[in-house]
């Protein structure tokens, strides 16, 4: 059964992290055992992988500007 999800486990976890952020922050649903607080957008950005994208983009910009 678990052979079907080989290579997709990371995507499942990322999807769950995004859904927790959406549920807690956007929809206002209280999910037991999860404490997101006011940082719900960070959960969504982290789940989508945009935090590392932003960091890489900033390094490219700094390289062009010579910072």
N, C-alpha and C. Protein backbone atom coordinates (compact mmCIF):
# COMPACT_ATOMS: atom_id res chain seq x y z
N UNK A 1 0.82 -1.19 0.00
CA UNK A 1 0.00 0.00 0.00
C UNK A 1 0.86 1.26 0.00
N UNK A 2 1.96 1.27 0.81
CA UNK A 2 2.79 2.46 0.88
C UNK A 2 3.68 2.61 -0.35
N UNK A 3 3.76 1.57 -1.17
CA UNK A 3 4.54 1.67 -2.40
C UNK A 3 3.91 2.64 -3.39
N UNK A 4 2.62 2.87 -3.24
CA UNK A 4 1.92 3.79 -4.15
C UNK A 4 2.33 5.24 -3.92
N UNK A 5 2.79 5.56 -2.73
CA UNK A 5 3.12 6.95 -2.42
C UNK A 5 4.62 7.23 -2.47
N UNK A 6 5.40 6.29 -2.96
CA UNK A 6 6.84 6.53 -3.08
C UNK A 6 7.08 7.75 -3.96
N UNK A 7 7.86 8.69 -3.44
CA UNK A 7 8.16 9.90 -4.18
C UNK A 7 7.16 11.02 -3.99
N UNK A 8 6.06 10.75 -3.29
CA UNK A 8 5.03 11.77 -3.09
C UNK A 8 4.83 12.13 -1.63
N UNK A 9 5.58 11.52 -0.73
CA UNK A 9 5.40 11.78 0.70
C UNK A 9 5.66 13.23 1.06
N UNK A 10 6.68 13.81 0.47
CA UNK A 10 7.00 15.21 0.74
C UNK A 10 5.86 16.11 0.30
N UNK A 11 5.25 15.80 -0.85
CA UNK A 11 4.14 16.61 -1.33
C UNK A 11 2.93 16.49 -0.41
N UNK A 12 2.70 15.32 0.15
CA UNK A 12 1.59 15.14 1.09
C UNK A 12 1.81 15.98 2.34
N UNK A 13 3.02 15.96 2.86
CA UNK A 13 3.33 16.74 4.07
C UNK A 13 3.21 18.23 3.77
N UNK A 14 3.73 18.67 2.63
CA UNK A 14 3.62 20.08 2.26
C UNK A 14 2.17 20.49 2.11
N UNK A 15 1.35 19.63 1.51
CA UNK A 15 -0.07 19.90 1.35
C UNK A 15 -0.75 20.04 2.71
N UNK A 16 -0.42 19.16 3.64
CA UNK A 16 -1.00 19.24 4.99
C UNK A 16 -0.60 20.52 5.70
N UNK A 17 0.64 20.93 5.55
CA UNK A 17 1.11 22.17 6.18
C UNK A 17 0.35 23.37 5.62
N UNK A 18 0.16 23.40 4.31
CA UNK A 18 -0.59 24.49 3.68
C UNK A 18 -2.03 24.48 4.15
N UNK A 19 -2.64 23.29 4.22
CA UNK A 19 -4.03 23.20 4.65
C UNK A 19 -4.21 23.62 6.12
N UNK A 20 -3.22 23.33 6.96
CA UNK A 20 -3.27 23.79 8.35
C UNK A 20 -3.22 25.32 8.38
N UNK A 21 -2.35 25.91 7.60
CA UNK A 21 -2.27 27.38 7.54
C UNK A 21 -3.55 28.00 7.03
N UNK A 22 -4.13 27.41 5.99
CA UNK A 22 -5.39 27.93 5.44
C UNK A 22 -6.52 27.75 6.44
N UNK A 23 -6.60 26.58 7.04
CA UNK A 23 -7.67 26.31 7.99
C UNK A 23 -7.62 27.22 9.21
N UNK A 24 -6.43 27.38 9.76
CA UNK A 24 -6.29 28.20 10.97
C UNK A 24 -6.36 29.69 10.65
N UNK A 25 -5.68 30.12 9.61
CA UNK A 25 -5.59 31.56 9.35
C UNK A 25 -6.72 32.14 8.55
N UNK A 26 -7.04 31.52 7.43
CA UNK A 26 -8.03 32.08 6.52
C UNK A 26 -9.44 31.73 6.97
N UNK A 27 -9.67 30.46 7.27
CA UNK A 27 -11.02 30.02 7.62
C UNK A 27 -11.34 30.19 9.10
N UNK A 28 -10.32 30.33 9.94
CA UNK A 28 -10.54 30.52 11.36
C UNK A 28 -10.95 29.26 12.11
N UNK A 29 -10.68 28.10 11.52
CA UNK A 29 -11.02 26.82 12.15
C UNK A 29 -9.95 26.48 13.17
N UNK A 30 -10.37 26.11 14.39
CA UNK A 30 -9.41 25.73 15.42
C UNK A 30 -9.10 24.24 15.26
N UNK A 31 -7.86 23.92 14.91
CA UNK A 31 -7.43 22.54 14.72
C UNK A 31 -6.77 22.08 16.02
N UNK A 32 -7.32 21.07 16.68
CA UNK A 32 -6.76 20.61 17.97
C UNK A 32 -5.31 20.14 17.82
N UNK A 33 -4.47 20.57 18.74
CA UNK A 33 -3.07 20.17 18.74
C UNK A 33 -2.17 21.03 17.89
N UNK A 34 -2.73 22.02 17.21
CA UNK A 34 -1.94 22.90 16.34
C UNK A 34 -2.04 24.32 16.89
N UNK A 35 -0.88 24.93 17.13
CA UNK A 35 -0.84 26.31 17.59
C UNK A 35 -0.13 27.12 16.52
N UNK A 36 -0.90 27.83 15.72
CA UNK A 36 -0.35 28.63 14.63
C UNK A 36 -0.23 30.09 15.06
N UNK A 37 -1.22 30.61 15.74
CA UNK A 37 -1.20 32.00 16.18
C UNK A 37 -1.32 32.96 15.02
N UNK A 38 -0.58 34.04 15.10
CA UNK A 38 -0.64 35.06 14.05
C UNK A 38 0.31 34.77 12.90
N UNK A 39 1.03 33.66 13.00
CA UNK A 39 2.04 33.32 11.99
C UNK A 39 1.51 32.35 10.94
N UNK A 40 0.22 32.36 10.68
CA UNK A 40 -0.38 31.38 9.77
C UNK A 40 0.13 31.54 8.34
N UNK A 41 0.46 32.74 7.93
CA UNK A 41 0.96 32.95 6.57
C UNK A 41 2.33 32.30 6.38
N UNK A 42 3.12 32.25 7.44
CA UNK A 42 4.43 31.58 7.37
C UNK A 42 4.26 30.09 7.12
N UNK A 43 3.19 29.49 7.68
CA UNK A 43 2.91 28.08 7.41
C UNK A 43 2.61 27.86 5.94
N UNK A 44 1.82 28.73 5.36
CA UNK A 44 1.46 28.59 3.94
C UNK A 44 2.69 28.80 3.06
N UNK A 45 3.46 29.83 3.34
CA UNK A 45 4.66 30.11 2.54
C UNK A 45 5.67 28.97 2.67
N UNK A 46 5.84 28.45 3.89
CA UNK A 46 6.75 27.33 4.09
C UNK A 46 6.29 26.06 3.40
N UNK A 47 5.00 25.80 3.45
CA UNK A 47 4.46 24.61 2.80
C UNK A 47 4.58 24.66 1.29
N UNK A 48 4.48 25.84 0.75
CA UNK A 48 4.61 26.00 -0.70
C UNK A 48 6.07 26.08 -1.15
N UNK A 49 6.98 26.21 -0.20
CA UNK A 49 8.40 26.29 -0.54
C UNK A 49 8.83 27.66 -0.99
N UNK A 50 8.01 28.67 -0.73
CA UNK A 50 8.33 30.02 -1.19
C UNK A 50 9.36 30.71 -0.31
N UNK A 51 9.56 30.23 0.90
CA UNK A 51 10.58 30.83 1.76
C UNK A 51 11.96 30.64 1.19
N UNK A 52 12.26 29.44 0.70
CA UNK A 52 13.56 29.20 0.10
C UNK A 52 13.68 29.90 -1.25
N UNK A 53 12.58 30.02 -1.97
CA UNK A 53 12.57 30.74 -3.24
C UNK A 53 12.91 32.21 -3.02
N UNK A 54 12.30 32.80 -1.98
CA UNK A 54 12.55 34.20 -1.66
C UNK A 54 14.01 34.41 -1.30
N UNK A 55 14.57 33.49 -0.53
CA UNK A 55 15.96 33.59 -0.13
C UNK A 55 16.90 33.51 -1.34
N UNK A 56 16.62 32.58 -2.23
CA UNK A 56 17.45 32.43 -3.43
C UNK A 56 17.33 33.66 -4.33
N UNK A 57 16.12 34.19 -4.46
CA UNK A 57 15.89 35.37 -5.29
C UNK A 57 16.64 36.57 -4.71
N UNK A 58 16.64 36.70 -3.39
CA UNK A 58 17.36 37.80 -2.74
C UNK A 58 18.86 37.68 -2.99
N UNK A 59 19.41 36.47 -2.99
CA UNK A 59 20.83 36.28 -3.26
C UNK A 59 21.18 36.67 -4.69
N UNK A 60 20.30 36.37 -5.62
CA UNK A 60 20.53 36.75 -7.02
C UNK A 60 20.52 38.27 -7.16
N UNK A 61 19.55 38.92 -6.54
CA UNK A 61 19.47 40.38 -6.59
C UNK A 61 20.70 41.01 -5.95
N UNK A 62 21.13 40.47 -4.80
CA UNK A 62 22.33 40.99 -4.14
C UNK A 62 23.56 40.81 -5.02
N UNK A 63 23.61 39.71 -5.77
CA UNK A 63 24.73 39.48 -6.67
C UNK A 63 24.79 40.49 -7.80
N UNK A 64 23.61 40.85 -8.32
CA UNK A 64 23.56 41.84 -9.39
C UNK A 64 23.89 43.24 -8.88
N UNK A 65 23.44 43.54 -7.68
CA UNK A 65 23.66 44.89 -7.13
C UNK A 65 25.01 45.03 -6.44
N UNK A 66 25.71 43.90 -6.22
CA UNK A 66 27.01 43.95 -5.59
C UNK A 66 26.96 44.16 -4.09
N UNK A 67 25.87 43.78 -3.47
CA UNK A 67 25.74 43.94 -2.00
C UNK A 67 26.39 42.81 -1.29
